[in-house]
Structures are given as structure tokens and as C-alpha cells.
Amino acid sequence: MTINCRGELIDLKRPKVMGIINLTPDSFYDGGKYQDGKEILNQVEKMLVDGATFIDLGAYSTRPGAEEISIDEENQRLQPIVELVLKKFPEAILSIDTFRGAVAKQALDRGAALVNDISSGLLDKEMLNVIAAYHVPYIMMHMRGNPKTMQQNTQYEHLIQDMLFYFSERINAAKSKGIIDFIIDPGFGFSKTLDQNYHLLKNLDLLQIAEKPILVGLSRKSMIYNLLGTEAKNALNGTTALNMLALNNGANILRVHDVKEAMECIKIHEQLTA
């Protein structure tokens, strides 16, 4: 189970970690935390040293009810940082968290290696064309609606079956464009209630029928801190517990704010399953 990132084959049979860098002022956990280039480079370096295979840069907040920003503003936040990071760390494998094809294209021109799209191409019809043109891996997430409306779209006949149908349809649409490298993201916290999120995690292994690598993003999300009656800043312990369960149920990539702890999960999980 491999993906091709700028000519390098990444084997996902051994789970990998993707470190999150939010370049937004309003993300639910670390919004506004990284204000200048030095802080960003320090955090990227820490994540790489701690074991991250991928660094995920996002400049558009997708928390529930997030405000929209223009393509120009997203590019102004994102593109200089892509250049900055790759100048300092040319071997870094950058993932670009965007649903806009024009933003993805500019980042890929600057050396980004894969695209992480919360909408699987449904919010911008040009996205699949961009991915196909650049021959990069494509992370397709499950979501209904958009960040403003997604929590009004939590009615499912059968959650897992509906998600498998969604991924089948989106993968077929992408394949028709010539895209070959896919990763699927169940979209914890997107168009799902707290109970649905835990049902999904408990049954994550059923998504393996799609025969694609699975990325799981649970890090410090509301499904943890709301259940525990705390805040995102106090949700690392809960994140670690759920990451271990995700690994046990087939996750190939952990997308996290805290790389060191996620790598420890992987190491312990490997020992348990050796």
C-alpha cells in the first residue's frame, strides 16, 4: 500500500503521522498560534524531528461555522509559507489542506506533494483536474455540505454504508480523470454527531473494503473534549486513546497536532501486533 510523493514511494503498511500546521487565526485549537515565519519553521522542524512523514498546511479554517475567506486571502496566507518551509526543509513532504483547485495548483507549483480536500472535489469542480494534471496523491474526506452547513447534515440511513457509497462515487469520479493515488478520510467531526463519530471509529475497519489507505484526524476534536467536559487544550490524553483505537481498526495515517505522542502510539501498537 504505497503512494507516490514527488517520485518517492511512501509505504503506508507501517502507519505514518501527518503534522498539522494551521495558518489561520480562527482554527478550533491552534488558530493564530503561528504568527511569523520563525515560529512556523520551528514547529515544522519539531514535527519532522519527532517523526512526522507529512506536514499538512492549511490556511482556511474548516471548523463548524467557520467564516469564508477569498481565494486571494487563502493564497496570501498559504503560498509564502509553502516556499518558506521548502526552502528550509527541501525534503519535507507537504500536504495542502484546501478544497480550492486554484490554491492547490499554486502550492503544487511551489513544490507541495499532495492535496488534502475536505470536499473530495465537490466544492470546486476544478480540483480533480488539478490533481490529475499534477499526478499527486489525493486525500478525499467525507463531508456533507460545507463547513457552515455540515452539522445540519447528520441524518443517515446507515452511516458506514452511506460513507462507502460516497467514497465509491468520488473515487470513480477521480479515476475518470486519471487520478490513481487515493487516501480516504472518514471526516470525524464533519457532518456527524458525537455518537456517530464514536460509532464510526468503532467500525473504522469496515472502510477497508474501499481498499484505500485511511487517514484519521481525531486530534483534540470536540468529540473528545465535549465528551470529557473539557477544552481542546486539555484533550491530548483523549486524542492518544482514540489514536490507538484507530490504529487497531486500520488507520494508516494519523493527522495530529502532537506528533511525538502519535509516534509513540504507533510504536506501542507495532509491539502489540508484532
C-alpha atoms as a PDB file:
ATOM      1  CA  MET A   1       0.000   0.000   0.000  1.00  0.00           C
ATOM      2  CA  THR A   2       2.086   2.882  -1.329  1.00  0.00           C
ATOM      3  CA  ILE A   3       1.625   6.444  -2.564  1.00  0.00           C
ATOM      4  CA  ASN A   4       3.988   8.384  -4.827  1.00  0.00           C
ATOM      5  CA  CYS A   5       5.049  11.756  -3.407  1.00  0.00           C
ATOM      6  CA  ARG A   6       7.337  13.656  -5.784  1.00  0.00           C
ATOM      7  CA  GLY A   7       8.857  10.408  -7.005  1.00  0.00           C
ATOM      8  CA  GLU A   8       9.272   8.909  -3.522  1.00  0.00           C
ATOM      9  CA  LEU A   9       7.206   5.842  -2.757  1.00  0.00           C
ATOM     10  CA  ILE A  10       5.739   6.047   0.752  1.00  0.00           C
ATOM     11  CA  ASP A  11       4.766   2.669   2.183  1.00  0.00           C
ATOM     12  CA  LEU A  12       1.656   3.046   4.338  1.00  0.00           C
ATOM     13  CA  LYS A  13       1.626  -0.516   5.617  1.00  0.00           C
ATOM     14  CA  ARG A  14       3.507   0.937   8.573  1.00  0.00           C
ATOM     15  CA  PRO A  15       1.310   3.796   9.840  1.00  0.00           C
ATOM     16  CA  LYS A  16       2.601   7.314   9.343  1.00  0.00           C
ATOM     17  CA  VAL A  17       1.990  10.650  11.079  1.00  0.00           C
ATOM     18  CA  MET A  18       0.877  13.894   9.453  1.00  0.00           C
ATOM     19  CA  GLY A  19       1.594  17.022  11.474  1.00  0.00           C
ATOM     20  CA  ILE A  20      -0.941  19.855  11.342  1.00  0.00           C
ATOM     21  CA  ILE A  21       0.139  23.470  10.827  1.00  0.00           C
ATOM     22  CA  ASN A  22      -2.843  25.837  10.774  1.00  0.00           C
ATOM     23  CA  LEU A  23      -2.109  29.206   9.172  1.00  0.00           C
ATOM     24  CA  THR A  24      -5.459  30.608  10.254  1.00  0.00           C
ATOM     25  CA  PRO A  25      -6.481  32.989  13.044  1.00  0.00           C
ATOM     26  CA  ASP A  26      -9.606  31.012  13.959  1.00  0.00           C
ATOM     27  CA  SER A  27      -8.935  27.253  13.901  1.00  0.00           C
ATOM     28  CA  PHE A  28     -10.503  25.454  16.850  1.00  0.00           C
ATOM     29  CA  TYR A  29      -7.242  24.556  18.620  1.00  0.00           C
ATOM     30  CA  ASP A  30      -4.164  26.376  17.311  1.00  0.00           C
ATOM     31  CA  GLY A  31      -5.680  29.259  15.361  1.00  0.00           C
ATOM     32  CA  GLY A  32      -3.343  32.242  15.444  1.00  0.00           C
ATOM     33  CA  LYS A  33      -0.622  30.271  17.211  1.00  0.00           C
ATOM     34  CA  TYR A  34       1.896  30.522  14.380  1.00  0.00           C
ATOM     35  CA  GLN A  35       2.182  34.216  13.572  1.00  0.00           C
ATOM     36  CA  ASP A  36       5.523  34.503  11.837  1.00  0.00           C
ATOM     37  CA  GLY A  37       7.937  32.514   9.730  1.00  0.00           C
ATOM     38  CA  LYS A  38      10.304  31.690  12.568  1.00  0.00           C
ATOM     39  CA  GLU A  39       7.519  30.166  14.704  1.00  0.00           C
ATOM     40  CA  ILE A  40       6.267  28.142  11.752  1.00  0.00           C
ATOM     41  CA  LEU A  41       9.721  26.827  10.850  1.00  0.00           C
ATOM     42  CA  ASN A  42      10.397  25.913  14.491  1.00  0.00           C
ATOM     43  CA  GLN A  43       7.164  23.932  14.640  1.00  0.00           C
ATOM     44  CA  VAL A  44       7.811  22.197  11.315  1.00  0.00           C
ATOM     45  CA  GLU A  45      11.305  21.260  12.481  1.00  0.00           C
ATOM     46  CA  LYS A  46       9.948  19.885  15.752  1.00  0.00           C
ATOM     47  CA  MET A  47       7.378  17.789  13.895  1.00  0.00           C
ATOM     48  CA  LEU A  48       9.950  16.396  11.470  1.00  0.00           C
ATOM     49  CA  VAL A  49      12.375  15.575  14.283  1.00  0.00           C
ATOM     50  CA  ASP A  50       9.554  13.910  16.237  1.00  0.00           C
ATOM     51  CA  GLY A  51       8.836  11.643  13.263  1.00  0.00           C
ATOM     52  CA  ALA A  52       6.212  13.233  11.011  1.00  0.00           C
ATOM     53  CA  THR A  53       6.254  11.904   7.457  1.00  0.00           C
ATOM     54  CA  PHE A  54       3.909  14.634   6.194  1.00  0.00           C
ATOM     55  CA  ILE A  55       3.322  18.274   7.131  1.00  0.00           C
ATOM     56  CA  ASP A  56      -0.219  19.485   6.427  1.00  0.00           C
ATOM     57  CA  LEU A  57      -0.525  23.229   5.788  1.00  0.00           C
ATOM     58  CA  GLY A  58      -3.981  24.802   5.871  1.00  0.00           C
ATOM     59  CA  ALA A  59      -4.976  28.438   5.509  1.00  0.00           C
ATOM     60  CA  TYR A  60      -8.778  28.150   5.549  1.00  0.00           C
ATOM     61  CA  SER A  61     -10.479  27.232   8.804  1.00  0.00           C
ATOM     62  CA  THR A  62     -12.951  24.367   8.383  1.00  0.00           C
ATOM     63  CA  ARG A  63     -14.213  24.246  11.948  1.00  0.00           C
ATOM     64  CA  PRO A  64     -18.041  24.133  12.194  1.00  0.00           C
ATOM     65  CA  GLY A  65     -19.497  27.515  11.251  1.00  0.00           C
ATOM     66  CA  ALA A  66     -16.174  28.913  10.036  1.00  0.00           C
ATOM     67  CA  GLU A  67     -16.303  32.128   8.037  1.00  0.00           C
ATOM     68  CA  GLU A  68     -15.478  32.040   4.354  1.00  0.00           C
ATOM     69  CA  ILE A  69     -12.379  33.778   3.025  1.00  0.00           C
ATOM     70  CA  SER A  70     -11.462  34.664  -0.541  1.00  0.00           C
ATOM     71  CA  ILE A  71      -9.087  32.662  -2.709  1.00  0.00           C
ATOM     72  CA  ASP A  72      -6.712  35.623  -2.644  1.00  0.00           C
ATOM     73  CA  GLU A  73      -6.640  35.678   1.152  1.00  0.00           C
ATOM     74  CA  GLU A  74      -6.114  31.926   1.343  1.00  0.00           C
ATOM     75  CA  ASN A  75      -3.226  32.207  -1.117  1.00  0.00           C
ATOM     76  CA  GLN A  76      -1.701  35.141   0.764  1.00  0.00           C
ATOM     77  CA  ARG A  77      -1.692  33.122   3.971  1.00  0.00           C
ATOM     78  CA  LEU A  78      -0.503  29.880   2.401  1.00  0.00           C
ATOM     79  CA  GLN A  79       1.820  30.284  -0.562  1.00  0.00           C
ATOM     80  CA  PRO A  80       4.656  32.236   1.140  1.00  0.00           C
ATOM     81  CA  ILE A  81       4.735  29.562   3.866  1.00  0.00           C
ATOM     82  CA  VAL A  82       4.964  26.742   1.317  1.00  0.00           C
ATOM     83  CA  GLU A  83       8.012  28.476  -0.152  1.00  0.00           C
ATOM     84  CA  LEU A  84       9.488  29.218   3.279  1.00  0.00           C
ATOM     85  CA  VAL A  85       9.147  25.649   4.554  1.00  0.00           C
ATOM     86  CA  LEU A  86      10.518  24.001   1.410  1.00  0.00           C
ATOM     87  CA  LYS A  87      13.454  26.407   1.278  1.00  0.00           C
ATOM     88  CA  LYS A  88      14.409  25.438   4.841  1.00  0.00           C
ATOM     89  CA  PHE A  89      13.357  21.774   4.604  1.00  0.00           C
ATOM     90  CA  PRO A  90      13.516  20.793   0.898  1.00  0.00           C
ATOM     91  CA  GLU A  91      12.883  17.122   1.667  1.00  0.00           C
ATOM     92  CA  ALA A  92       9.670  17.839   3.609  1.00  0.00           C
ATOM     93  CA  ILE A  93       6.572  16.244   2.133  1.00  0.00           C
ATOM     94  CA  LEU A  94       3.966  18.987   2.225  1.00  0.00           C
ATOM     95  CA  SER A  95       0.246  18.279   2.135  1.00  0.00           C
ATOM     96  CA  ILE A  96      -2.005  21.212   1.260  1.00  0.00           C
ATOM     97  CA  ASP A  97      -5.311  21.368   3.131  1.00  0.00           C
ATOM     98  CA  THR A  98      -7.645  23.131   0.686  1.00  0.00           C
ATOM     99  CA  PHE A  99     -10.804  22.450  -1.307  1.00  0.00           C
ATOM    100  CA  ARG A 100      -9.939  25.029  -3.980  1.00  0.00           C
ATOM    101  CA  GLY A 101      -8.229  23.867  -7.131  1.00  0.00           C
ATOM    102  CA  ALA A 102      -6.584  27.242  -7.791  1.00  0.00           C
ATOM    103  CA  VAL A 103      -4.991  27.250  -4.330  1.00  0.00           C
ATOM    104  CA  ALA A 104      -3.817  23.660  -4.709  1.00  0.00           C
ATOM    105  CA  LYS A 105      -2.307  24.430  -8.117  1.00  0.00           C
ATOM    106  CA  GLN A 106      -0.204  27.303  -6.824  1.00  0.00           C
ATOM    107  CA  ALA A 107       1.060  25.232  -3.892  1.00  0.00           C
ATOM    108  CA  LEU A 108       1.903  22.283  -6.142  1.00  0.00           C
ATOM    109  CA  ASP A 109       3.805  24.634  -8.442  1.00  0.00           C
ATOM    110  CA  ARG A 110       5.877  25.617  -5.400  1.00  0.00           C
ATOM    111  CA  GLY A 111       6.718  22.002  -4.543  1.00  0.00           C
ATOM    112  CA  ALA A 112       3.886  20.645  -2.391  1.00  0.00           C
ATOM    113  CA  ALA A 113       3.475  16.884  -2.733  1.00  0.00           C
ATOM    114  CA  LEU A 114      -0.181  16.037  -2.064  1.00  0.00           C
ATOM    115  CA  VAL A 115      -3.581  17.633  -1.546  1.00  0.00           C
ATOM    116  CA  ASN A 116      -5.966  17.169   1.376  1.00  0.00           C
ATOM    117  CA  ASP A 117      -9.517  18.107   0.294  1.00  0.00           C
ATOM    118  CA  ILE A 118     -12.356  18.122   2.833  1.00  0.00           C
ATOM    119  CA  SER A 119     -14.908  18.005  -0.003  1.00  0.00           C
ATOM    120  CA  SER A 120     -13.459  15.286  -2.269  1.00  0.00           C
ATOM    121  CA  GLY A 121     -13.857  17.650  -5.201  1.00  0.00           C
ATOM    122  CA  LEU A 122     -17.481  18.581  -4.541  1.00  0.00           C
ATOM    123  CA  LEU A 123     -16.851  22.219  -3.559  1.00  0.00           C
ATOM    124  CA  ASP A 124     -14.720  23.046  -6.597  1.00  0.00           C
ATOM    125  CA  LYS A 125     -15.156  21.186  -9.874  1.00  0.00           C
ATOM    126  CA  GLU A 126     -11.617  22.181 -10.924  1.00  0.00           C
ATOM    127  CA  MET A 127      -9.933  20.303  -8.080  1.00  0.00           C
ATOM    128  CA  LEU A 128      -9.951  16.886  -9.774  1.00  0.00           C
ATOM    129  CA  ASN A 129      -8.483  18.410 -12.930  1.00  0.00           C
ATOM    130  CA  VAL A 130      -5.629  19.906 -10.912  1.00  0.00           C
ATOM    131  CA  ILE A 131      -4.879  16.636  -9.114  1.00  0.00           C
ATOM    132  CA  ALA A 132      -4.916  14.747 -12.413  1.00  0.00           C
ATOM    133  CA  ALA A 133      -2.612  17.271 -14.101  1.00  0.00           C
ATOM    134  CA  TYR A 134      -0.015  17.130 -11.321  1.00  0.00           C
ATOM    135  CA  HIS A 135      -0.234  13.365 -10.664  1.00  0.00           C
ATOM    136  CA  VAL A 136      -0.177  13.794  -6.882  1.00  0.00           C
ATOM    137  CA  PRO A 137      -1.869  11.747  -4.142  1.00  0.00           C
ATOM    138  CA  TYR A 138      -5.326  12.972  -3.216  1.00  0.00           C
ATOM    139  CA  ILE A 139      -6.842  12.807   0.267  1.00  0.00           C
ATOM    140  CA  MET A 140     -10.634  12.618  -0.052  1.00  0.00           C
ATOM    141  CA  MET A 141     -12.661  13.357   3.061  1.00  0.00           C
ATOM    142  CA  HIS A 142     -16.271  12.528   3.809  1.00  0.00           C
ATOM    143  CA  MET A 143     -18.430  15.571   4.432  1.00  0.00           C
ATOM    144  CA  ARG A 144     -21.914  16.754   3.522  1.00  0.00           C
ATOM    145  CA  GLY A 145     -22.469  20.385   2.605  1.00  0.00           C
ATOM    146  CA  ASN A 146     -19.722  22.818   3.580  1.00  0.00           C
ATOM    147  CA  PRO A 147     -18.142  23.961   6.865  1.00  0.00           C
ATOM    148  CA  LYS A 148     -21.033  26.348   7.530  1.00  0.00           C
ATOM    149  CA  THR A 149     -23.785  23.792   6.910  1.00  0.00           C
ATOM    150  CA  MET A 150     -22.214  20.406   7.635  1.00  0.00           C
ATOM    151  CA  GLN A 151     -23.636  19.996  11.139  1.00  0.00           C
ATOM    152  CA  GLN A 152     -27.148  20.362   9.703  1.00  0.00           C
ATOM    153  CA  ASN A 153     -26.486  17.271   7.565  1.00  0.00           C
ATOM    154  CA  THR A 154     -26.164  14.440  10.069  1.00  0.00           C
ATOM    155  CA  GLN A 155     -29.124  12.283   9.041  1.00  0.00           C
ATOM    156  CA  TYR A 156     -28.070   8.892   7.670  1.00  0.00           C
ATOM    157  CA  GLU A 157     -29.933   5.717   6.836  1.00  0.00           C
ATOM    158  CA  HIS A 158     -26.814   3.664   7.556  1.00  0.00           C
ATOM    159  CA  LEU A 159     -23.731   5.751   8.322  1.00  0.00           C
ATOM    160  CA  ILE A 160     -20.994   3.334   7.205  1.00  0.00           C
ATOM    161  CA  GLN A 161     -22.887   2.174   4.100  1.00  0.00           C
ATOM    162  CA  ASP A 162     -23.621   5.756   3.114  1.00  0.00           C
ATOM    163  CA  MET A 163     -19.945   6.652   3.526  1.00  0.00           C
ATOM    164  CA  LEU A 164     -18.801   3.698   1.430  1.00  0.00           C
ATOM    165  CA  PHE A 165     -21.207   4.752  -1.322  1.00  0.00           C
ATOM    166  CA  TYR A 166     -19.864   8.309  -1.100  1.00  0.00           C
ATOM    167  CA  PHE A 167     -16.240   7.197  -1.383  1.00  0.00           C
ATOM    168  CA  SER A 168     -17.046   4.803  -4.225  1.00  0.00           C
ATOM    169  CA  GLU A 169     -18.698   7.600  -6.177  1.00  0.00           C
ATOM    170  CA  ARG A 170     -15.934  10.119  -5.528  1.00  0.00           C
ATOM    171  CA  ILE A 171     -13.135   7.633  -6.292  1.00  0.00           C
ATOM    172  CA  ASN A 172     -14.824   6.718  -9.575  1.00  0.00           C
ATOM    173  CA  ALA A 173     -15.145  10.413 -10.466  1.00  0.00           C
ATOM    174  CA  ALA A 174     -11.449  10.906  -9.748  1.00  0.00           C
ATOM    175  CA  LYS A 175     -10.396   7.771 -11.623  1.00  0.00           C
ATOM    176  CA  SER A 176     -12.268   9.027 -14.671  1.00  0.00           C
ATOM    177  CA  LYS A 177      -9.803  11.958 -14.682  1.00  0.00           C
ATOM    178  CA  GLY A 178      -6.808   9.623 -14.455  1.00  0.00           C
ATOM    179  CA  ILE A 179      -6.091  10.032 -10.729  1.00  0.00           C
ATOM    180  CA  ILE A 180      -4.529   6.903  -9.242  1.00  0.00           C
ATOM    181  CA  ASP A 181      -3.248   7.636  -5.710  1.00  0.00           C
ATOM    182  CA  PHE A 182      -6.031   7.998  -3.122  1.00  0.00           C
ATOM    183  CA  ILE A 183      -6.278   8.251   0.646  1.00  0.00           C
ATOM    184  CA  ILE A 184      -9.697   8.327   2.295  1.00  0.00           C
ATOM    185  CA  ASP A 185     -10.523  10.345   5.407  1.00  0.00           C
ATOM    186  CA  PRO A 186     -13.742   9.457   7.297  1.00  0.00           C
ATOM    187  CA  GLY A 187     -14.114  13.087   8.365  1.00  0.00           C
ATOM    188  CA  PHE A 188     -14.500  12.828  12.125  1.00  0.00           C
ATOM    189  CA  GLY A 189     -16.441  15.877  13.289  1.00  0.00           C
ATOM    190  CA  PHE A 190     -17.718  16.707   9.809  1.00  0.00           C
ATOM    191  CA  SER A 191     -21.462  16.140   9.225  1.00  0.00           C
ATOM    192  CA  LYS A 192     -21.574  13.773  12.196  1.00  0.00           C
ATOM    193  CA  THR A 193     -22.926  13.880  15.723  1.00  0.00           C
ATOM    194  CA  LEU A 194     -20.828  12.891  18.719  1.00  0.00           C
ATOM    195  CA  ASP A 195     -22.468   9.442  18.844  1.00  0.00           C
ATOM    196  CA  GLN A 196     -21.963   8.964  15.100  1.00  0.00           C
ATOM    197  CA  ASN A 197     -18.270   9.809  15.442  1.00  0.00           C
ATOM    198  CA  TYR A 198     -17.771   7.080  18.032  1.00  0.00           C
ATOM    199  CA  HIS A 199     -19.843   4.584  16.052  1.00  0.00           C
ATOM    200  CA  LEU A 200     -17.650   5.338  13.044  1.00  0.00           C
ATOM    201  CA  LEU A 201     -14.415   4.919  14.992  1.00  0.00           C
ATOM    202  CA  LYS A 202     -15.615   1.632  16.472  1.00  0.00           C
ATOM    203  CA  ASN A 203     -16.377   0.357  12.970  1.00  0.00           C
ATOM    204  CA  LEU A 204     -13.491   2.030  11.127  1.00  0.00           C
ATOM    205  CA  ASP A 205     -12.228  -1.315   9.845  1.00  0.00           C
ATOM    206  CA  LEU A 206     -15.320  -1.573   7.619  1.00  0.00           C
ATOM    207  CA  LEU A 207     -13.918   1.243   5.473  1.00  0.00           C
ATOM    208  CA  GLN A 208     -11.074  -1.060   4.450  1.00  0.00           C
ATOM    209  CA  ILE A 209     -13.454  -2.514   1.875  1.00  0.00           C
ATOM    210  CA  ALA A 210     -12.637   0.583  -0.203  1.00  0.00           C
ATOM    211  CA  GLU A 211      -9.084  -0.817  -0.450  1.00  0.00           C
ATOM    212  CA  LYS A 212      -7.513   2.615   0.023  1.00  0.00           C
ATOM    213  CA  PRO A 213      -5.261   3.922   2.811  1.00  0.00           C
ATOM    214  CA  ILE A 214      -7.233   5.505   5.649  1.00  0.00           C
ATOM    215  CA  LEU A 215      -6.279   8.828   7.219  1.00  0.00           C
ATOM    216  CA  VAL A 216      -7.755   9.591  10.624  1.00  0.00           C
ATOM    217  CA  GLY A 217      -7.955  13.087  12.062  1.00  0.00           C
ATOM    218  CA  LEU A 218      -9.092  12.955  15.684  1.00  0.00           C
ATOM    219  CA  SER A 219      -6.625  15.366  17.215  1.00  0.00           C
ATOM    220  CA  ARG A 220      -8.149  17.423  20.049  1.00  0.00           C
ATOM    221  CA  LYS A 221     -11.571  17.462  18.375  1.00  0.00           C
ATOM    222  CA  SER A 222     -14.882  18.270  20.028  1.00  0.00           C
ATOM    223  CA  MET A 223     -15.896  14.595  20.056  1.00  0.00           C
ATOM    224  CA  ILE A 224     -13.178  14.251  22.710  1.00  0.00           C
ATOM    225  CA  TYR A 225     -13.385  17.424  24.751  1.00  0.00           C
ATOM    226  CA  ASN A 226     -17.186  17.667  24.736  1.00  0.00           C
ATOM    227  CA  LEU A 227     -17.467  14.086  25.951  1.00  0.00           C
ATOM    228  CA  LEU A 228     -14.909  14.732  28.688  1.00  0.00           C
ATOM    229  CA  GLY A 229     -16.275  18.139  29.646  1.00  0.00           C
ATOM    230  CA  THR A 230     -13.040  19.968  28.941  1.00  0.00           C
ATOM    231  CA  GLU A 231     -11.378  22.054  26.205  1.00  0.00           C
ATOM    232  CA  ALA A 232      -9.244  21.324  23.157  1.00  0.00           C
ATOM    233  CA  LYS A 233      -6.086  22.334  25.030  1.00  0.00           C
ATOM    234  CA  ASN A 234      -6.754  19.550  27.561  1.00  0.00           C
ATOM    235  CA  ALA A 235      -7.668  16.854  25.024  1.00  0.00           C
ATOM    236  CA  LEU A 236      -4.274  15.293  24.303  1.00  0.00           C
ATOM    237  CA  ASN A 237      -4.847  12.284  26.558  1.00  0.00           C
ATOM    238  CA  GLY A 238      -8.197  11.574  24.882  1.00  0.00           C
ATOM    239  CA  THR A 239      -6.603  12.036  21.472  1.00  0.00           C
ATOM    240  CA  THR A 240      -3.938   9.471  22.290  1.00  0.00           C
ATOM    241  CA  ALA A 241      -6.531   6.954  23.466  1.00  0.00           C
ATOM    242  CA  LEU A 242      -8.559   7.321  20.265  1.00  0.00           C
ATOM    243  CA  ASN A 243      -5.485   7.238  18.032  1.00  0.00           C
ATOM    244  CA  MET A 244      -4.571   3.854  19.474  1.00  0.00           C
ATOM    245  CA  LEU A 245      -8.063   2.560  18.742  1.00  0.00           C
ATOM    246  CA  ALA A 246      -7.866   3.988  15.220  1.00  0.00           C
ATOM    247  CA  LEU A 247      -4.591   2.162  14.597  1.00  0.00           C
ATOM    248  CA  ASN A 248      -6.114  -1.044  15.885  1.00  0.00           C
ATOM    249  CA  ASN A 249      -9.031  -0.575  13.472  1.00  0.00           C
ATOM    250  CA  GLY A 250      -6.938   0.006  10.378  1.00  0.00           C
ATOM    251  CA  ALA A 251      -5.775   3.643  10.239  1.00  0.00           C
ATOM    252  CA  ASN A 252      -2.729   4.186   8.023  1.00  0.00           C
ATOM    253  CA  ILE A 253      -2.102   7.881   8.750  1.00  0.00           C
ATOM    254  CA  LEU A 254      -2.707   9.818  11.965  1.00  0.00           C
ATOM    255  CA  ARG A 255      -3.251  13.527  11.315  1.00  0.00           C
ATOM    256  CA  VAL A 256      -2.322  15.280  14.564  1.00  0.00           C
ATOM    257  CA  HIS A 257      -1.188  18.438  16.317  1.00  0.00           C
ATOM    258  CA  ASP A 258       1.104  16.425  18.630  1.00  0.00           C
ATOM    259  CA  VAL A 259       3.493  14.312  16.548  1.00  0.00           C
ATOM    260  CA  LYS A 260       5.665  12.844  19.313  1.00  0.00           C
ATOM    261  CA  GLU A 261       2.696  11.327  21.133  1.00  0.00           C
ATOM    262  CA  ALA A 262       1.240   9.919  17.905  1.00  0.00           C
ATOM    263  CA  MET A 263       4.566   8.286  17.033  1.00  0.00           C
ATOM    264  CA  GLU A 264       4.621   6.705  20.490  1.00  0.00           C
ATOM    265  CA  CYS A 265       1.158   5.271  19.773  1.00  0.00           C
ATOM    266  CA  ILE A 266       2.456   3.714  16.571  1.00  0.00           C
ATOM    267  CA  LYS A 267       5.493   2.238  18.296  1.00  0.00           C
ATOM    268  CA  ILE A 268       3.382   0.686  21.053  1.00  0.00           C
ATOM    269  CA  HIS A 269       0.807  -0.573  18.561  1.00  0.00           C
ATOM    270  CA  GLU A 270       3.531  -2.235  16.499  1.00  0.00           C
ATOM    271  CA  GLN A 271       4.838  -4.006  19.578  1.00  0.00           C
ATOM    272  CA  LEU A 272       1.343  -5.229  20.441  1.00  0.00           C
ATOM    273  CA  THR A 273       0.690  -6.525  16.930  1.00  0.00           C
ATOM    274  CA  ALA A 274       4.148  -7.959  16.138  1.00  0.00           C
END
